[in-house]
Amino acid sequence: MSESSTPDWDAPEVASISDIAFEPKAGFWLRFVANICDGIMVSLISIPFSIISASTTGTTASLSQAAQFVVSFFVLAYWVGNQGGSPLRRKLGVFILDQDDGSFIGQRRALQRIMMSWVSGIVFLLGYLSMLRSPQSQTWHDRVAHSVVVKR
């Protein structure tokens, strides 16, 4: 056994400031286009439910609409939480990441972010416009989920 208590291998150096702080943040219009991409992807998932709703009436149509909402909501949360966004958003190079370490935010925070994005939109889009005055370009829903939107 060696006399020193440190291992022979060199441990990676830990930076005091996360690299995510230096990544370029996505601007307003790029985020706008990325949200449209998310909407397109969710719409593709919703098509089968819409067909069922349109071709039926009563309880079946109501159940189909409810299922459409739930499935779309959780699929989007999965994409955002585990992959940084929908496939089209990622293809655009716009990722939703943790503001502290740059990792994916996870489904729970993604669900919170999506719900708060509805509030951001309902209040005269003030939640979305708040990114224009934020140093990290964060909207209300980014602040709630402790996330940032970067361009890679």
C-alpha atoms as a PDB file:
ATOM      1  CA  MET A   1       0.000   0.000   0.000  1.00  0.00           C
ATOM      2  CA  SER A   2       1.257   3.440  -0.797  1.00  0.00           C
ATOM      3  CA  GLU A   3       1.970   5.975   1.896  1.00  0.00           C
ATOM      4  CA  SER A   4      -0.206   8.682   0.368  1.00  0.00           C
ATOM      5  CA  SER A   5      -3.942   8.487   0.731  1.00  0.00           C
ATOM      6  CA  THR A   6      -4.657   9.816  -2.742  1.00  0.00           C
ATOM      7  CA  PRO A   7      -5.265   7.431  -5.626  1.00  0.00           C
ATOM      8  CA  ASP A   8      -2.742   7.067  -8.440  1.00  0.00           C
ATOM      9  CA  TRP A   9      -5.166   8.299 -11.101  1.00  0.00           C
ATOM     10  CA  ASP A  10      -5.968  11.947 -11.629  1.00  0.00           C
ATOM     11  CA  ALA A  11      -9.532  12.951 -10.786  1.00  0.00           C
ATOM     12  CA  PRO A  12     -11.205  15.304 -13.255  1.00  0.00           C
ATOM     13  CA  GLU A  13     -11.060  18.921 -12.267  1.00  0.00           C
ATOM     14  CA  VAL A  14     -14.374  20.284 -11.032  1.00  0.00           C
ATOM     15  CA  ALA A  15     -15.214  23.709 -12.344  1.00  0.00           C
ATOM     16  CA  SER A  16     -16.792  26.185  -9.971  1.00  0.00           C
ATOM     17  CA  ILE A  17     -19.160  27.496 -12.613  1.00  0.00           C
ATOM     18  CA  SER A  18     -21.171  25.138 -14.782  1.00  0.00           C
ATOM     19  CA  ASP A  19     -20.506  25.104 -18.513  1.00  0.00           C
ATOM     20  CA  ILE A  20     -24.234  25.662 -19.086  1.00  0.00           C
ATOM     21  CA  ALA A  21     -23.805  29.278 -17.995  1.00  0.00           C
ATOM     22  CA  PHE A  22     -21.622  29.893 -21.034  1.00  0.00           C
ATOM     23  CA  GLU A  23     -23.778  28.125 -23.619  1.00  0.00           C
ATOM     24  CA  PRO A  24     -25.682  30.389 -26.015  1.00  0.00           C
ATOM     25  CA  LYS A  25     -29.310  30.789 -24.999  1.00  0.00           C
ATOM     26  CA  ALA A  26     -32.027  30.453 -27.612  1.00  0.00           C
ATOM     27  CA  GLY A  27     -33.614  33.764 -28.531  1.00  0.00           C
ATOM     28  CA  PHE A  28     -37.290  34.668 -28.639  1.00  0.00           C
ATOM     29  CA  TRP A  29     -37.957  33.831 -32.303  1.00  0.00           C
ATOM     30  CA  LEU A  30     -35.968  30.599 -32.246  1.00  0.00           C
ATOM     31  CA  ARG A  31     -37.924  29.490 -29.190  1.00  0.00           C
ATOM     32  CA  PHE A  32     -41.135  30.506 -30.961  1.00  0.00           C
ATOM     33  CA  VAL A  33     -40.265  28.233 -33.904  1.00  0.00           C
ATOM     34  CA  ALA A  34     -39.232  25.445 -31.486  1.00  0.00           C
ATOM     35  CA  ASN A  35     -42.647  25.673 -29.779  1.00  0.00           C
ATOM     36  CA  ILE A  36     -44.309  25.331 -33.176  1.00  0.00           C
ATOM     37  CA  CYS A  37     -42.168  22.227 -33.758  1.00  0.00           C
ATOM     38  CA  ASP A  38     -43.361  20.813 -30.424  1.00  0.00           C
ATOM     39  CA  GLY A  39     -46.942  21.523 -31.475  1.00  0.00           C
ATOM     40  CA  ILE A  40     -46.462  19.710 -34.778  1.00  0.00           C
ATOM     41  CA  MET A  41     -45.065  16.645 -33.024  1.00  0.00           C
ATOM     42  CA  VAL A  42     -47.870  16.592 -30.455  1.00  0.00           C
ATOM     43  CA  SER A  43     -50.412  16.993 -33.269  1.00  0.00           C
ATOM     44  CA  LEU A  44     -49.046  13.899 -34.974  1.00  0.00           C
ATOM     45  CA  ILE A  45     -49.630  11.930 -31.783  1.00  0.00           C
ATOM     46  CA  SER A  46     -53.123  13.401 -31.456  1.00  0.00           C
ATOM     47  CA  ILE A  47     -54.340  12.398 -34.934  1.00  0.00           C
ATOM     48  CA  PRO A  48     -55.650   8.916 -34.027  1.00  0.00           C
ATOM     49  CA  PHE A  49     -57.554  10.318 -31.049  1.00  0.00           C
ATOM     50  CA  SER A  50     -58.997  13.107 -33.211  1.00  0.00           C
ATOM     51  CA  ILE A  51     -60.212  10.586 -35.773  1.00  0.00           C
ATOM     52  CA  ILE A  52     -61.941   8.566 -33.057  1.00  0.00           C
ATOM     53  CA  SER A  53     -63.510  11.702 -31.565  1.00  0.00           C
ATOM     54  CA  ALA A  54     -64.770  12.892 -34.941  1.00  0.00           C
ATOM     55  CA  SER A  55     -66.257   9.548 -35.893  1.00  0.00           C
ATOM     56  CA  THR A  56     -68.073   8.912 -32.626  1.00  0.00           C
ATOM     57  CA  THR A  57     -70.424  10.759 -30.303  1.00  0.00           C
ATOM     58  CA  GLY A  58     -71.221  10.873 -26.635  1.00  0.00           C
ATOM     59  CA  THR A  59     -69.076   9.124 -24.088  1.00  0.00           C
ATOM     60  CA  THR A  60     -66.688   7.560 -26.597  1.00  0.00           C
ATOM     61  CA  ALA A  61     -65.867  10.941 -28.115  1.00  0.00           C
ATOM     62  CA  SER A  62     -65.377  12.478 -24.670  1.00  0.00           C
ATOM     63  CA  LEU A  63     -63.121   9.649 -23.545  1.00  0.00           C
ATOM     64  CA  SER A  64     -61.099   9.923 -26.747  1.00  0.00           C
ATOM     65  CA  GLN A  65     -60.615  13.664 -26.221  1.00  0.00           C
ATOM     66  CA  ALA A  66     -59.551  13.119 -22.616  1.00  0.00           C
ATOM     67  CA  ALA A  67     -57.117  10.391 -23.685  1.00  0.00           C
ATOM     68  CA  GLN A  68     -55.770  12.682 -26.405  1.00  0.00           C
ATOM     69  CA  PHE A  69     -55.020  15.394 -23.855  1.00  0.00           C
ATOM     70  CA  VAL A  70     -53.403  13.033 -21.326  1.00  0.00           C
ATOM     71  CA  VAL A  71     -51.291  11.139 -23.855  1.00  0.00           C
ATOM     72  CA  SER A  72     -50.114  14.324 -25.594  1.00  0.00           C
ATOM     73  CA  PHE A  73     -49.283  15.976 -22.269  1.00  0.00           C
ATOM     74  CA  PHE A  74     -47.230  13.051 -20.988  1.00  0.00           C
ATOM     75  CA  VAL A  75     -45.462  12.356 -24.305  1.00  0.00           C
ATOM     76  CA  LEU A  76     -44.362  15.994 -24.501  1.00  0.00           C
ATOM     77  CA  ALA A  77     -43.228  15.822 -20.858  1.00  0.00           C
ATOM     78  CA  TYR A  78     -41.257  12.666 -21.676  1.00  0.00           C
ATOM     79  CA  TRP A  79     -39.539  14.332 -24.625  1.00  0.00           C
ATOM     80  CA  VAL A  80     -38.717  17.499 -22.706  1.00  0.00           C
ATOM     81  CA  GLY A  81     -37.702  15.752 -19.503  1.00  0.00           C
ATOM     82  CA  ASN A  82     -35.586  12.953 -20.943  1.00  0.00           C
ATOM     83  CA  GLN A  83     -34.366  14.303 -24.285  1.00  0.00           C
ATOM     84  CA  GLY A  84     -34.459  18.103 -24.037  1.00  0.00           C
ATOM     85  CA  GLY A  85     -37.465  18.541 -26.331  1.00  0.00           C
ATOM     86  CA  SER A  86     -39.492  16.972 -29.102  1.00  0.00           C
ATOM     87  CA  PRO A  87     -37.642  15.365 -32.033  1.00  0.00           C
ATOM     88  CA  LEU A  88     -38.241  18.426 -34.254  1.00  0.00           C
ATOM     89  CA  ARG A  89     -37.079  20.813 -31.503  1.00  0.00           C
ATOM     90  CA  ARG A  90     -33.890  18.791 -31.085  1.00  0.00           C
ATOM     91  CA  LYS A  91     -33.357  18.710 -34.861  1.00  0.00           C
ATOM     92  CA  LEU A  92     -33.569  22.516 -34.734  1.00  0.00           C
ATOM     93  CA  GLY A  93     -30.816  22.434 -32.090  1.00  0.00           C
ATOM     94  CA  VAL A  94     -32.917  23.916 -29.278  1.00  0.00           C
ATOM     95  CA  PHE A  95     -32.694  22.038 -25.967  1.00  0.00           C
ATOM     96  CA  ILE A  96     -34.407  22.532 -22.596  1.00  0.00           C
ATOM     97  CA  LEU A  97     -31.825  21.793 -19.906  1.00  0.00           C
ATOM     98  CA  ASP A  98     -31.221  22.175 -16.169  1.00  0.00           C
ATOM     99  CA  GLN A  99     -30.021  25.686 -15.364  1.00  0.00           C
ATOM    100  CA  ASP A 100     -27.356  24.454 -12.938  1.00  0.00           C
ATOM    101  CA  ASP A 101     -25.664  21.458 -14.549  1.00  0.00           C
ATOM    102  CA  GLY A 102     -26.987  21.270 -18.126  1.00  0.00           C
ATOM    103  CA  SER A 103     -28.611  17.858 -17.705  1.00  0.00           C
ATOM    104  CA  PHE A 104     -32.116  16.973 -18.837  1.00  0.00           C
ATOM    105  CA  ILE A 105     -34.730  18.213 -16.366  1.00  0.00           C
ATOM    106  CA  GLY A 106     -36.673  14.972 -15.889  1.00  0.00           C
ATOM    107  CA  GLN A 107     -40.366  14.308 -16.427  1.00  0.00           C
ATOM    108  CA  ARG A 108     -41.612  15.792 -13.153  1.00  0.00           C
ATOM    109  CA  ARG A 109     -40.028  19.185 -13.803  1.00  0.00           C
ATOM    110  CA  ALA A 110     -41.081  18.954 -17.445  1.00  0.00           C
ATOM    111  CA  LEU A 111     -44.709  18.498 -16.317  1.00  0.00           C
ATOM    112  CA  GLN A 112     -44.383  21.556 -14.070  1.00  0.00           C
ATOM    113  CA  ARG A 113     -42.822  23.522 -16.915  1.00  0.00           C
ATOM    114  CA  ILE A 114     -45.611  22.622 -19.340  1.00  0.00           C
ATOM    115  CA  MET A 115     -48.347  23.542 -16.867  1.00  0.00           C
ATOM    116  CA  MET A 116     -46.668  26.852 -16.071  1.00  0.00           C
ATOM    117  CA  SER A 117     -46.269  27.571 -19.796  1.00  0.00           C
ATOM    118  CA  TRP A 118     -50.060  27.580 -20.021  1.00  0.00           C
ATOM    119  CA  VAL A 119     -50.148  30.200 -17.261  1.00  0.00           C
ATOM    120  CA  SER A 120     -47.426  32.158 -19.076  1.00  0.00           C
ATOM    121  CA  GLY A 121     -49.633  32.267 -22.151  1.00  0.00           C
ATOM    122  CA  ILE A 122     -52.931  32.948 -20.407  1.00  0.00           C
ATOM    123  CA  VAL A 123     -51.625  36.082 -18.705  1.00  0.00           C
ATOM    124  CA  PHE A 124     -51.365  38.066 -21.960  1.00  0.00           C
ATOM    125  CA  LEU A 125     -48.142  36.212 -22.895  1.00  0.00           C
ATOM    126  CA  LEU A 126     -46.291  38.080 -20.128  1.00  0.00           C
ATOM    127  CA  GLY A 127     -44.592  34.878 -19.000  1.00  0.00           C
ATOM    128  CA  TYR A 128     -43.111  34.403 -22.454  1.00  0.00           C
ATOM    129  CA  LEU A 129     -42.170  38.051 -22.886  1.00  0.00           C
ATOM    130  CA  SER A 130     -40.364  38.051 -19.531  1.00  0.00           C
ATOM    131  CA  MET A 131     -37.460  36.267 -21.243  1.00  0.00           C
ATOM    132  CA  LEU A 132     -36.593  39.505 -23.024  1.00  0.00           C
ATOM    133  CA  ARG A 133     -35.553  41.073 -19.698  1.00  0.00           C
ATOM    134  CA  SER A 134     -34.009  37.987 -18.097  1.00  0.00           C
ATOM    135  CA  PRO A 135     -30.200  37.640 -18.102  1.00  0.00           C
ATOM    136  CA  GLN A 136     -30.507  33.894 -18.874  1.00  0.00           C
ATOM    137  CA  SER A 137     -33.462  34.426 -21.277  1.00  0.00           C
ATOM    138  CA  GLN A 138     -35.782  32.553 -18.919  1.00  0.00           C
ATOM    139  CA  THR A 139     -39.567  32.648 -19.116  1.00  0.00           C
ATOM    140  CA  TRP A 140     -41.814  32.116 -16.104  1.00  0.00           C
ATOM    141  CA  HIS A 141     -42.036  28.421 -16.849  1.00  0.00           C
ATOM    142  CA  ASP A 142     -38.236  28.177 -17.121  1.00  0.00           C
ATOM    143  CA  ARG A 143     -37.891  29.751 -13.688  1.00  0.00           C
ATOM    144  CA  VAL A 144     -40.455  27.385 -12.160  1.00  0.00           C
ATOM    145  CA  ALA A 145     -38.678  24.339 -13.613  1.00  0.00           C
ATOM    146  CA  HIS A 146     -35.157  25.754 -13.049  1.00  0.00           C
ATOM    147  CA  SER A 147     -34.390  25.294 -16.733  1.00  0.00           C
ATOM    148  CA  VAL A 148     -32.767  27.193 -19.569  1.00  0.00           C
ATOM    149  CA  VAL A 149     -33.249  26.871 -23.313  1.00  0.00           C
ATOM    150  CA  VAL A 150     -29.994  26.656 -25.234  1.00  0.00           C
ATOM    151  CA  LYS A 151     -29.022  26.578 -28.901  1.00  0.00           C
ATOM    152  CA  ARG A 152     -26.534  23.826 -29.758  1.00  0.00           C
END
